[in-house]
Amino acid sequence: MFAVQATYKGKDKRRAEIVRRSAEALSTITDGPAFSVHNVETIVAPITSSESTVAVIMALLSSEQWLISLGCGSTAEEACEYAAVAAKRGPRSLPVTVATPDHEEIYEQAIVDAFVLIAFVLAKRSDQGREATGLMRTGLSQVEAAEELGITKQAMSQRLKAAGWDAENAGWELATRLLVQVSQAL
């Protein structure tokens, strides 16, 4: 079981509205309870699958406006507790902080490292790259995504390459495998 806790660090004056809308949007990605809002600018939710957990974290990383903490535990309550622990102890220079039962440093550091790499790829992405990879993430083929954007398949391929699509997928797979391993170790 996992839990994601994220605190809005953006400068928008309508932060309560942004946080509420973000919680609603992220709840459509998860396979469990909806995100709840705490203290106006923090959202948290337990998530059962590693794939949904990575999807939520990548969505948060894409906006570059959230401090993200990941907790792992054998129950939803325990995972939420560890997400709160991660939020308190992690350096804020990291894109994601992680806490596990018994402070499993090997897992925690490997998961952090995977998200550091993913965050780097996402931060370098142009708006066109975000648009192209967003379509691919929905399951479209390159040809279908190119048609949707009104560009050639070759132009789509170039956008995906420039956007680091292969690196994103490798990071996605790595983070997912690491979360599966840590959940099996609990």
N, C-alpha and C. Protein backbone atom coordinates (compact mmCIF):
# COMPACT_ATOMS: atom_id res chain seq x y z
N MET A 1 0.85 -1.18 0.00
CA MET A 1 0.00 0.00 0.00
C MET A 1 0.89 1.23 0.00
N PHE A 2 0.45 2.24 -0.71
CA PHE A 2 1.20 3.49 -0.81
C PHE A 2 0.30 4.66 -0.42
N ALA A 3 0.92 5.78 -0.13
CA ALA A 3 0.17 7.01 0.08
C ALA A 3 1.02 8.15 -0.48
N VAL A 4 0.35 9.05 -1.16
CA VAL A 4 1.01 10.25 -1.69
C VAL A 4 0.46 11.44 -0.93
N GLN A 5 1.38 12.25 -0.42
CA GLN A 5 1.02 13.51 0.22
C GLN A 5 1.73 14.61 -0.58
N ALA A 6 1.00 15.63 -0.95
CA ALA A 6 1.60 16.72 -1.72
C ALA A 6 1.13 18.06 -1.16
N THR A 7 2.08 18.97 -1.03
CA THR A 7 1.79 20.31 -0.54
C THR A 7 2.06 21.31 -1.64
N TYR A 8 1.08 22.16 -1.90
CA TYR A 8 1.19 23.16 -2.97
C TYR A 8 2.21 24.21 -2.58
N LYS A 9 3.17 24.45 -3.46
CA LYS A 9 4.20 25.46 -3.20
C LYS A 9 4.15 26.59 -4.22
N GLY A 10 3.12 26.59 -5.06
CA GLY A 10 2.99 27.63 -6.07
C GLY A 10 2.65 28.98 -5.47
N LYS A 11 2.69 29.97 -6.29
CA LYS A 11 2.48 31.36 -5.84
C LYS A 11 1.07 31.88 -6.12
N ASP A 12 0.24 31.09 -6.74
CA ASP A 12 -1.09 31.54 -7.10
C ASP A 12 -1.90 31.92 -5.87
N LYS A 13 -2.60 33.04 -5.94
CA LYS A 13 -3.40 33.52 -4.80
C LYS A 13 -4.65 32.68 -4.57
N ARG A 14 -5.05 31.93 -5.58
CA ARG A 14 -6.23 31.06 -5.44
C ARG A 14 -5.81 29.64 -5.06
N ARG A 15 -4.87 29.55 -4.16
CA ARG A 15 -4.28 28.26 -3.84
C ARG A 15 -5.30 27.24 -3.34
N ALA A 16 -6.25 27.65 -2.55
CA ALA A 16 -7.26 26.70 -2.05
C ALA A 16 -8.04 26.08 -3.20
N GLU A 17 -8.38 26.88 -4.19
CA GLU A 17 -9.11 26.37 -5.36
C GLU A 17 -8.23 25.44 -6.18
N ILE A 18 -6.98 25.81 -6.37
CA ILE A 18 -6.05 24.97 -7.14
C ILE A 18 -5.85 23.63 -6.44
N VAL A 19 -5.69 23.66 -5.14
CA VAL A 19 -5.49 22.43 -4.37
C VAL A 19 -6.73 21.55 -4.45
N ARG A 20 -7.90 22.14 -4.30
CA ARG A 20 -9.15 21.37 -4.38
C ARG A 20 -9.32 20.73 -5.74
N ARG A 21 -9.10 21.52 -6.81
CA ARG A 21 -9.24 20.99 -8.18
C ARG A 21 -8.19 19.92 -8.47
N SER A 22 -6.99 20.11 -7.96
CA SER A 22 -5.94 19.11 -8.15
C SER A 22 -6.31 17.80 -7.46
N ALA A 23 -6.84 17.90 -6.24
CA ALA A 23 -7.26 16.70 -5.52
C ALA A 23 -8.33 15.95 -6.31
N GLU A 24 -9.27 16.67 -6.87
CA GLU A 24 -10.32 16.03 -7.68
C GLU A 24 -9.74 15.37 -8.92
N ALA A 25 -8.86 16.07 -9.62
CA ALA A 25 -8.27 15.53 -10.85
C ALA A 25 -7.41 14.30 -10.56
N LEU A 26 -6.58 14.37 -9.52
CA LEU A 26 -5.72 13.24 -9.18
C LEU A 26 -6.53 12.04 -8.71
N SER A 27 -7.67 12.28 -8.11
CA SER A 27 -8.51 11.18 -7.65
C SER A 27 -9.02 10.32 -8.80
N THR A 28 -9.06 10.89 -10.01
CA THR A 28 -9.50 10.10 -11.17
C THR A 28 -8.41 9.12 -11.62
N ILE A 29 -7.18 9.35 -11.20
CA ILE A 29 -6.06 8.47 -11.57
C ILE A 29 -5.96 7.28 -10.64
N THR A 30 -6.29 7.48 -9.38
CA THR A 30 -6.06 6.45 -8.37
C THR A 30 -7.10 5.35 -8.44
N ASP A 31 -6.77 4.27 -7.78
CA ASP A 31 -7.65 3.10 -7.74
C ASP A 31 -8.21 2.89 -6.34
N GLY A 32 -8.26 3.94 -5.56
CA GLY A 32 -8.73 3.81 -4.19
C GLY A 32 -9.48 5.04 -3.77
N PRO A 33 -9.39 5.37 -2.50
CA PRO A 33 -10.10 6.55 -1.99
C PRO A 33 -9.61 7.83 -2.67
N ALA A 34 -10.48 8.81 -2.71
CA ALA A 34 -10.16 10.10 -3.31
C ALA A 34 -9.13 10.83 -2.46
N PHE A 35 -8.43 11.74 -3.10
CA PHE A 35 -7.52 12.62 -2.35
C PHE A 35 -8.35 13.50 -1.44
N SER A 36 -7.85 13.71 -0.24
CA SER A 36 -8.50 14.63 0.68
C SER A 36 -7.58 15.82 0.89
N VAL A 37 -8.19 16.96 1.18
CA VAL A 37 -7.44 18.20 1.39
C VAL A 37 -7.25 18.40 2.88
N HIS A 38 -6.02 18.72 3.27
CA HIS A 38 -5.67 18.99 4.66
C HIS A 38 -5.00 20.35 4.73
N ASN A 39 -5.37 21.13 5.71
CA ASN A 39 -4.73 22.43 5.95
C ASN A 39 -4.66 23.30 4.69
N VAL A 40 -5.66 23.34 3.91
CA VAL A 40 -5.84 24.17 2.72
C VAL A 40 -4.91 23.83 1.57
N GLU A 41 -3.64 23.54 1.83
CA GLU A 41 -2.73 23.38 0.70
C GLU A 41 -2.07 22.01 0.59
N THR A 42 -2.49 21.05 1.38
CA THR A 42 -1.93 19.70 1.33
C THR A 42 -3.01 18.70 0.96
N ILE A 43 -2.66 17.79 0.07
CA ILE A 43 -3.58 16.71 -0.31
C ILE A 43 -2.91 15.38 0.00
N VAL A 44 -3.73 14.38 0.29
CA VAL A 44 -3.20 13.06 0.61
C VAL A 44 -4.21 12.00 0.22
N ALA A 45 -3.68 10.85 -0.23
CA ALA A 45 -4.55 9.71 -0.53
C ALA A 45 -3.75 8.42 -0.47
N PRO A 46 -4.36 7.37 0.07
CA PRO A 46 -3.75 6.05 -0.04
C PRO A 46 -4.00 5.50 -1.45
N ILE A 47 -3.05 4.77 -1.98
CA ILE A 47 -3.17 4.22 -3.33
C ILE A 47 -2.69 2.77 -3.28
N THR A 48 -3.44 1.88 -3.88
CA THR A 48 -3.10 0.46 -3.77
C THR A 48 -2.10 -0.02 -4.82
N SER A 49 -2.10 0.54 -6.01
CA SER A 49 -1.21 0.00 -7.04
C SER A 49 0.01 0.88 -7.28
N SER A 50 1.10 0.23 -7.63
CA SER A 50 2.33 0.95 -7.93
C SER A 50 2.17 1.80 -9.19
N GLU A 51 1.42 1.30 -10.18
CA GLU A 51 1.22 2.04 -11.42
C GLU A 51 0.47 3.35 -11.17
N SER A 52 -0.59 3.30 -10.39
CA SER A 52 -1.35 4.51 -10.07
C SER A 52 -0.52 5.48 -9.25
N THR A 53 0.30 4.95 -8.35
CA THR A 53 1.16 5.80 -7.53
C THR A 53 2.14 6.56 -8.40
N VAL A 54 2.77 5.87 -9.33
CA VAL A 54 3.73 6.53 -10.23
C VAL A 54 3.00 7.54 -11.11
N ALA A 55 1.81 7.21 -11.59
CA ALA A 55 1.04 8.14 -12.43
C ALA A 55 0.71 9.42 -11.68
N VAL A 56 0.30 9.29 -10.43
CA VAL A 56 -0.02 10.47 -9.61
C VAL A 56 1.22 11.32 -9.39
N ILE A 57 2.32 10.67 -9.03
CA ILE A 57 3.55 11.42 -8.76
C ILE A 57 4.03 12.11 -10.03
N MET A 58 3.95 11.44 -11.16
CA MET A 58 4.38 12.08 -12.41
C MET A 58 3.50 13.26 -12.76
N ALA A 59 2.22 13.16 -12.51
CA ALA A 59 1.32 14.29 -12.76
C ALA A 59 1.70 15.48 -11.87
N LEU A 60 2.00 15.20 -10.61
CA LEU A 60 2.41 16.27 -9.70
C LEU A 60 3.77 16.85 -10.11
N LEU A 61 4.70 15.99 -10.49
CA LEU A 61 6.02 16.46 -10.92
C LEU A 61 5.91 17.35 -12.17
N SER A 62 5.00 17.02 -13.05
CA SER A 62 4.85 17.78 -14.30
C SER A 62 4.50 19.24 -14.05
N SER A 63 3.76 19.49 -13.00
CA SER A 63 3.36 20.88 -12.73
C SER A 63 4.46 21.68 -12.06
N GLU A 64 5.43 20.99 -11.45
CA GLU A 64 6.54 21.63 -10.75
C GLU A 64 6.08 22.58 -9.64
N GLN A 65 4.90 22.33 -9.07
CA GLN A 65 4.38 23.22 -8.03
C GLN A 65 4.02 22.51 -6.74
N TRP A 66 4.55 21.31 -6.55
CA TRP A 66 4.18 20.52 -5.39
C TRP A 66 5.42 19.95 -4.69
N LEU A 67 5.36 19.91 -3.39
CA LEU A 67 6.31 19.16 -2.58
C LEU A 67 5.66 17.79 -2.37
N ILE A 68 6.30 16.74 -2.84
CA ILE A 68 5.66 15.42 -2.90
C ILE A 68 6.35 14.47 -1.93
N SER A 69 5.54 13.75 -1.17
CA SER A 69 6.05 12.74 -0.24
C SER A 69 5.31 11.44 -0.50
N LEU A 70 6.06 10.35 -0.44
CA LEU A 70 5.52 9.02 -0.67
C LEU A 70 5.76 8.18 0.56
N GLY A 71 4.69 7.56 1.03
CA GLY A 71 4.79 6.64 2.15
C GLY A 71 4.40 5.25 1.72
N CYS A 72 5.05 4.24 2.29
CA CYS A 72 4.73 2.85 2.00
C CYS A 72 4.39 2.18 3.32
N GLY A 73 3.41 1.31 3.28
CA GLY A 73 3.02 0.60 4.49
C GLY A 73 2.16 -0.59 4.17
N SER A 74 1.87 -1.39 5.17
CA SER A 74 1.07 -2.59 4.95
C SER A 74 -0.43 -2.28 4.96
N THR A 75 -0.81 -1.10 5.47
CA THR A 75 -2.20 -0.66 5.45
C THR A 75 -2.26 0.77 4.92
N ALA A 76 -3.46 1.21 4.59
CA ALA A 76 -3.64 2.59 4.11
C ALA A 76 -3.23 3.58 5.19
N GLU A 77 -3.61 3.30 6.42
CA GLU A 77 -3.28 4.21 7.52
C GLU A 77 -1.77 4.31 7.71
N GLU A 78 -1.10 3.16 7.67
CA GLU A 78 0.34 3.15 7.85
C GLU A 78 1.03 3.89 6.69
N ALA A 79 0.58 3.67 5.48
CA ALA A 79 1.16 4.36 4.32
C ALA A 79 0.99 5.87 4.45
N CYS A 80 -0.18 6.32 4.89
CA CYS A 80 -0.41 7.76 5.09
C CYS A 80 0.49 8.31 6.20
N GLU A 81 0.69 7.54 7.25
CA GLU A 81 1.58 7.97 8.33
C GLU A 81 3.01 8.14 7.81
N TYR A 82 3.46 7.19 6.99
CA TYR A 82 4.81 7.28 6.45
C TYR A 82 4.96 8.39 5.42
N ALA A 83 3.89 8.69 4.70
CA ALA A 83 3.94 9.85 3.79
C ALA A 83 4.15 11.13 4.58
N ALA A 84 3.48 11.23 5.73
CA ALA A 84 3.66 12.40 6.60
C ALA A 84 5.08 12.45 7.17
N VAL A 85 5.63 11.29 7.52
CA VAL A 85 7.01 11.21 8.01
C VAL A 85 7.96 11.68 6.91
N ALA A 86 7.75 11.20 5.70
CA ALA A 86 8.61 11.59 4.58
C ALA A 86 8.56 13.10 4.35
N ALA A 87 7.38 13.67 4.50
CA ALA A 87 7.23 15.12 4.30
C ALA A 87 8.04 15.91 5.33
N LYS A 88 8.14 15.39 6.53
CA LYS A 88 8.84 16.10 7.60
C LYS A 88 10.35 15.93 7.54
N ARG A 89 10.83 14.78 7.07
CA ARG A 89 12.26 14.54 7.17
C ARG A 89 13.03 14.76 5.89
N GLY A 90 12.37 14.79 4.76
CA GLY A 90 13.11 14.85 3.51
C GLY A 90 13.59 16.24 3.15
N PRO A 91 14.74 16.33 2.49
CA PRO A 91 15.20 17.63 2.02
C PRO A 91 14.29 18.13 0.90
N ARG A 92 13.95 19.37 0.93
CA ARG A 92 13.02 19.93 -0.03
C ARG A 92 13.64 20.19 -1.40
N SER A 93 14.93 19.89 -1.54
CA SER A 93 15.56 20.01 -2.84
C SER A 93 15.25 18.80 -3.71
N LEU A 94 14.74 17.74 -3.11
CA LEU A 94 14.38 16.54 -3.86
C LEU A 94 12.97 16.66 -4.42
N PRO A 95 12.73 16.08 -5.60
CA PRO A 95 11.37 16.16 -6.16
C PRO A 95 10.37 15.32 -5.37
N VAL A 96 10.84 14.24 -4.75
CA VAL A 96 9.97 13.35 -3.98
C VAL A 96 10.77 12.86 -2.77
N THR A 97 10.13 12.85 -1.60
CA THR A 97 10.74 12.23 -0.43
C THR A 97 9.97 10.95 -0.13
N VAL A 98 10.66 9.98 0.46
CA VAL A 98 10.07 8.65 0.65
C VAL A 98 10.35 8.15 2.07
N ALA A 99 9.36 7.49 2.65
CA ALA A 99 9.55 6.83 3.95
C ALA A 99 8.87 5.47 3.90
N THR A 100 9.57 4.48 4.45
CA THR A 100 9.06 3.12 4.51
C THR A 100 9.17 2.61 5.95
N PRO A 101 8.45 1.54 6.27
CA PRO A 101 8.61 0.95 7.61
C PRO A 101 10.06 0.52 7.81
N ASP A 102 10.53 0.63 8.99
CA ASP A 102 11.90 0.25 9.34
C ASP A 102 12.95 1.03 8.55
N HIS A 103 12.54 2.15 7.97
CA HIS A 103 13.44 3.04 7.25
C HIS A 103 14.33 2.24 6.29
N GLU A 104 13.71 1.54 5.35
CA GLU A 104 14.41 0.72 4.36
C GLU A 104 15.15 1.63 3.39
N GLU A 105 16.36 2.05 3.78
CA GLU A 105 17.11 3.05 3.02
C GLU A 105 17.39 2.63 1.59
N ILE A 106 17.64 1.37 1.34
CA ILE A 106 17.95 0.91 -0.01
C ILE A 106 16.77 1.17 -0.94
N TYR A 107 15.55 0.89 -0.47
CA TYR A 107 14.37 1.15 -1.28
C TYR A 107 14.10 2.65 -1.38
N GLU A 108 14.17 3.32 -0.24
CA GLU A 108 13.87 4.75 -0.21
C GLU A 108 14.77 5.52 -1.18
N GLN A 109 16.07 5.27 -1.13
CA GLN A 109 17.00 6.01 -1.98
C GLN A 109 16.81 5.65 -3.45
N ALA A 110 16.57 4.40 -3.75
CA ALA A 110 16.36 3.98 -5.14
C ALA A 110 15.10 4.63 -5.72
N ILE A 111 14.04 4.70 -4.93
CA ILE A 111 12.80 5.33 -5.39
C ILE A 111 13.02 6.82 -5.59
N VAL A 112 13.68 7.47 -4.66
CA VAL A 112 14.00 8.90 -4.80
C VAL A 112 14.81 9.12 -6.07
N ASP A 113 15.83 8.29 -6.29
CA ASP A 113 16.68 8.44 -7.48
C ASP A 113 15.87 8.31 -8.77
N ALA A 114 14.96 7.36 -8.81
CA ALA A 114 14.13 7.19 -10.02
C ALA A 114 13.31 8.45 -10.28
N PHE A 115 12.74 9.02 -9.24
CA PHE A 115 11.93 10.23 -9.43
C PHE A 115 12.78 11.47 -9.72
N VAL A 116 14.01 11.50 -9.24
CA VAL A 116 14.92 12.59 -9.61
C VAL A 116 15.15 12.57 -11.12
N LEU A 117 15.38 11.39 -11.66
CA LEU A 117 15.59 11.26 -13.11
C LEU A 117 14.33 11.65 -13.89
N ILE A 118 13.18 11.18 -13.44
CA ILE A 118 11.93 11.51 -14.11
C ILE A 118 11.68 13.01 -14.06
N ALA A 119 11.89 13.61 -12.90
CA ALA A 119 11.67 15.06 -12.74
C ALA A 119 12.58 15.85 -13.68
N PHE A 120 13.80 15.40 -13.86
CA PHE A 120 14.73 16.07 -14.76
C PHE A 120 14.20 16.04 -16.19
N VAL A 121 13.74 14.89 -16.63
CA VAL A 121 13.18 14.76 -17.98
C VAL A 121 11.97 15.66 -18.14
N LEU A 122 11.07 15.64 -17.18
CA LEU A 122 9.84 16.43 -17.27
C LEU A 122 10.12 17.93 -17.26
N ALA A 123 11.12 18.36 -16.49
CA ALA A 123 11.44 19.79 -16.39
C ALA A 123 12.02 20.34 -17.69
N LYS A 124 12.65 19.50 -18.48
CA LYS A 124 13.27 19.95 -19.73
C LYS A 124 12.30 19.95 -20.91
N ARG A 125 11.09 19.53 -20.68
CA ARG A 125 10.12 19.33 -21.75
C ARG A 125 9.44 20.63 -22.18
N SER A 126 9.31 20.82 -23.48
CA SER A 126 8.61 21.98 -24.03
C SER A 126 7.10 21.73 -23.96
N ASP A 127 6.33 22.77 -24.24
CA ASP A 127 4.86 22.62 -24.29
C ASP A 127 4.46 21.62 -25.37
N GLN A 128 5.13 21.68 -26.52
CA GLN A 128 4.84 20.72 -27.59
C GLN A 128 5.18 19.30 -27.15
N GLY A 129 6.27 19.16 -26.41
CA GLY A 129 6.65 17.85 -25.90
C GLY A 129 5.65 17.33 -24.89
N ARG A 130 5.15 18.22 -24.04
CA ARG A 130 4.12 17.82 -23.06
C ARG A 130 2.85 17.35 -23.77
N GLU A 131 2.49 18.09 -24.80
CA GLU A 131 1.30 17.74 -25.56
C GLU A 131 1.47 16.37 -26.23
N ALA A 132 2.61 16.14 -26.85
CA ALA A 132 2.86 14.88 -27.55
C ALA A 132 2.91 13.70 -26.58
N THR A 133 3.65 13.85 -25.48
CA THR A 133 3.76 12.75 -24.53
C THR A 133 2.44 12.51 -23.80
N GLY A 134 1.69 13.57 -23.59
CA GLY A 134 0.37 13.41 -22.96
C GLY A 134 -0.54 12.54 -23.79
N LEU A 135 -0.51 12.74 -25.10
CA LEU A 135 -1.33 11.91 -25.99
C LEU A 135 -0.84 10.46 -25.99
N MET A 136 0.46 10.29 -25.99
CA MET A 136 1.01 8.94 -25.96
C MET A 136 0.64 8.23 -24.66
N ARG A 137 0.68 8.96 -23.55
CA ARG A 137 0.36 8.37 -22.26
C ARG A 137 -1.10 7.89 -22.20
N THR A 138 -1.98 8.47 -23.03
CA THR A 138 -3.37 8.02 -23.05
C THR A 138 -3.55 6.72 -23.81
N GLY A 139 -2.46 6.24 -24.46
CA GLY A 139 -2.54 4.97 -25.16
C GLY A 139 -2.62 5.08 -26.67
N LEU A 140 -2.57 6.30 -27.19
CA LEU A 140 -2.58 6.45 -28.63
C LEU A 140 -1.26 5.98 -29.23
N SER A 141 -1.32 5.53 -30.47
CA SER A 141 -0.09 5.21 -31.20
C SER A 141 0.52 6.52 -31.68
N GLN A 142 1.76 6.45 -32.17
CA GLN A 142 2.38 7.66 -32.70
C GLN A 142 1.60 8.21 -33.88
N VAL A 143 1.10 7.34 -34.72
CA VAL A 143 0.32 7.77 -35.88
C VAL A 143 -0.96 8.47 -35.43
N GLU A 144 -1.66 7.88 -34.46
CA GLU A 144 -2.89 8.48 -33.95
C GLU A 144 -2.63 9.81 -33.26
N ALA A 145 -1.56 9.87 -32.48
CA ALA A 145 -1.21 11.12 -31.79
C ALA A 145 -0.83 12.19 -32.81
N ALA A 146 -0.11 11.81 -33.84
CA ALA A 146 0.27 12.76 -34.89
C ALA A 146 -0.97 13.31 -35.59
N GLU A 147 -1.91 12.44 -35.89
CA GLU A 147 -3.17 12.87 -36.52
C GLU A 147 -3.92 13.83 -35.61
N GLU A 148 -3.95 13.52 -34.33
CA GLU A 148 -4.63 14.38 -33.35
C GLU A 148 -4.01 15.78 -33.32
N LEU A 149 -2.70 15.84 -33.46
CA LEU A 149 -2.00 17.12 -33.44
C LEU A 149 -1.93 17.79 -34.82
N GLY A 150 -2.29 17.05 -35.85
CA GLY A 150 -2.23 17.61 -37.21
C GLY A 150 -0.81 17.72 -37.73
N ILE A 151 0.03 16.78 -37.34
CA ILE A 151 1.42 16.77 -37.79
C ILE A 151 1.74 15.41 -38.40
N THR A 152 2.91 15.31 -39.05
CA THR A 152 3.31 14.03 -39.64
C THR A 152 3.82 13.09 -38.55
N LYS A 153 3.88 11.81 -38.90
CA LYS A 153 4.43 10.83 -37.97
C LYS A 153 5.89 11.15 -37.67
N GLN A 154 6.62 11.61 -38.67
CA GLN A 154 8.02 11.96 -38.46
C GLN A 154 8.15 13.13 -37.48
N ALA A 155 7.29 14.13 -37.61
CA ALA A 155 7.32 15.27 -36.69
C ALA A 155 6.96 14.81 -35.28
N MET A 156 6.02 13.88 -35.19
CA MET A 156 5.64 13.34 -33.87
C MET A 156 6.83 12.59 -33.26
N SER A 157 7.50 11.81 -34.06
CA SER A 157 8.66 11.08 -33.59
C SER A 157 9.74 12.04 -33.09
N GLN A 158 9.96 13.13 -33.81
CA GLN A 158 10.94 14.13 -33.39
C GLN A 158 10.54 14.80 -32.08
N ARG A 159 9.26 15.10 -31.93
CA ARG A 159 8.78 15.72 -30.69
C ARG A 159 8.98 14.79 -29.50
N LEU A 160 8.66 13.52 -29.71
CA LEU A 160 8.81 12.55 -28.63
C LEU A 160 10.28 12.37 -28.25
N LYS A 161 11.15 12.35 -29.24
CA LYS A 161 12.58 12.22 -28.96
C LYS A 161 13.07 13.44 -28.18
N ALA A 162 12.71 14.63 -28.63
CA ALA A 162 13.13 15.86 -27.95
C ALA A 162 12.55 15.94 -26.54
N ALA A 163 11.37 15.36 -26.34
CA ALA A 163 10.71 15.40 -25.04
C ALA A 163 11.23 14.34 -24.07
N GLY A 164 12.11 13.47 -24.54
CA GLY A 164 12.63 12.43 -23.67
C GLY A 164 11.64 11.33 -23.37
N TRP A 165 10.81 11.01 -24.34
CA TRP A 165 9.77 10.00 -24.17
C TRP A 165 10.35 8.65 -23.74
N ASP A 166 11.43 8.22 -24.38
CA ASP A 166 12.04 6.93 -24.02
C ASP A 166 12.58 6.96 -22.59
N ALA A 167 13.21 8.08 -22.21
CA ALA A 167 13.72 8.21 -20.84
C ALA A 167 12.56 8.23 -19.83
N GLU A 168 11.47 8.90 -20.18
CA GLU A 168 10.30 8.92 -19.29
C GLU A 168 9.77 7.51 -19.08
N ASN A 169 9.65 6.76 -20.17
CA ASN A 169 9.15 5.40 -20.06
C ASN A 169 10.07 4.52 -19.22
N ALA A 170 11.38 4.69 -19.41
CA ALA A 170 12.34 3.91 -18.60
C ALA A 170 12.20 4.28 -17.13
N GLY A 171 12.07 5.58 -16.84
CA GLY A 171 11.87 6.01 -15.46
C GLY A 171 10.57 5.49 -14.87
N TRP A 172 9.52 5.53 -15.67
CA TRP A 172 8.21 5.01 -15.26
C TRP A 172 8.33 3.54 -14.86
N GLU A 173 8.95 2.75 -15.74
CA GLU A 173 9.10 1.32 -15.48
C GLU A 173 9.96 1.07 -14.24
N LEU A 174 11.04 1.81 -14.11
CA LEU A 174 11.93 1.65 -12.96
C LEU A 174 11.20 1.99 -11.66
N ALA A 175 10.53 3.13 -11.62
CA ALA A 175 9.80 3.53 -10.40
C ALA A 175 8.72 2.51 -10.06
N THR A 176 8.01 2.03 -11.06
CA THR A 176 6.95 1.04 -10.83
C THR A 176 7.54 -0.25 -10.26
N ARG A 177 8.63 -0.73 -10.85
CA ARG A 177 9.26 -1.96 -10.35
C ARG A 177 9.76 -1.79 -8.91
N LEU A 178 10.33 -0.63 -8.61
CA LEU A 178 10.81 -0.39 -7.25
C LEU A 178 9.65 -0.38 -6.25
N LEU A 179 8.53 0.22 -6.63
CA LEU A 179 7.38 0.23 -5.72
C LEU A 179 6.81 -1.17 -5.53
N VAL A 180 6.81 -1.96 -6.58
CA VAL A 180 6.37 -3.36 -6.45
C VAL A 180 7.28 -4.09 -5.47
N GLN A 181 8.59 -3.90 -5.61
CA GLN A 181 9.53 -4.57 -4.70
C GLN A 181 9.34 -4.15 -3.25
N VAL A 182 9.18 -2.85 -3.02
CA VAL A 182 9.02 -2.41 -1.63
C VAL A 182 7.70 -2.92 -1.06
N SER A 183 6.65 -2.98 -1.87
CA SER A 183 5.37 -3.47 -1.35
C SER A 183 5.44 -4.96 -1.04
N GLN A 184 6.22 -5.70 -1.80
CA GLN A 184 6.38 -7.13 -1.52
C GLN A 184 7.23 -7.37 -0.27
N ALA A 185 8.10 -6.43 0.04
CA ALA A 185 8.95 -6.56 1.22
C ALA A 185 8.23 -6.22 2.52
N LEU A 186 7.07 -5.56 2.41
CA LEU A 186 6.34 -5.17 3.63
C LEU A 186 5.63 -6.33 4.28
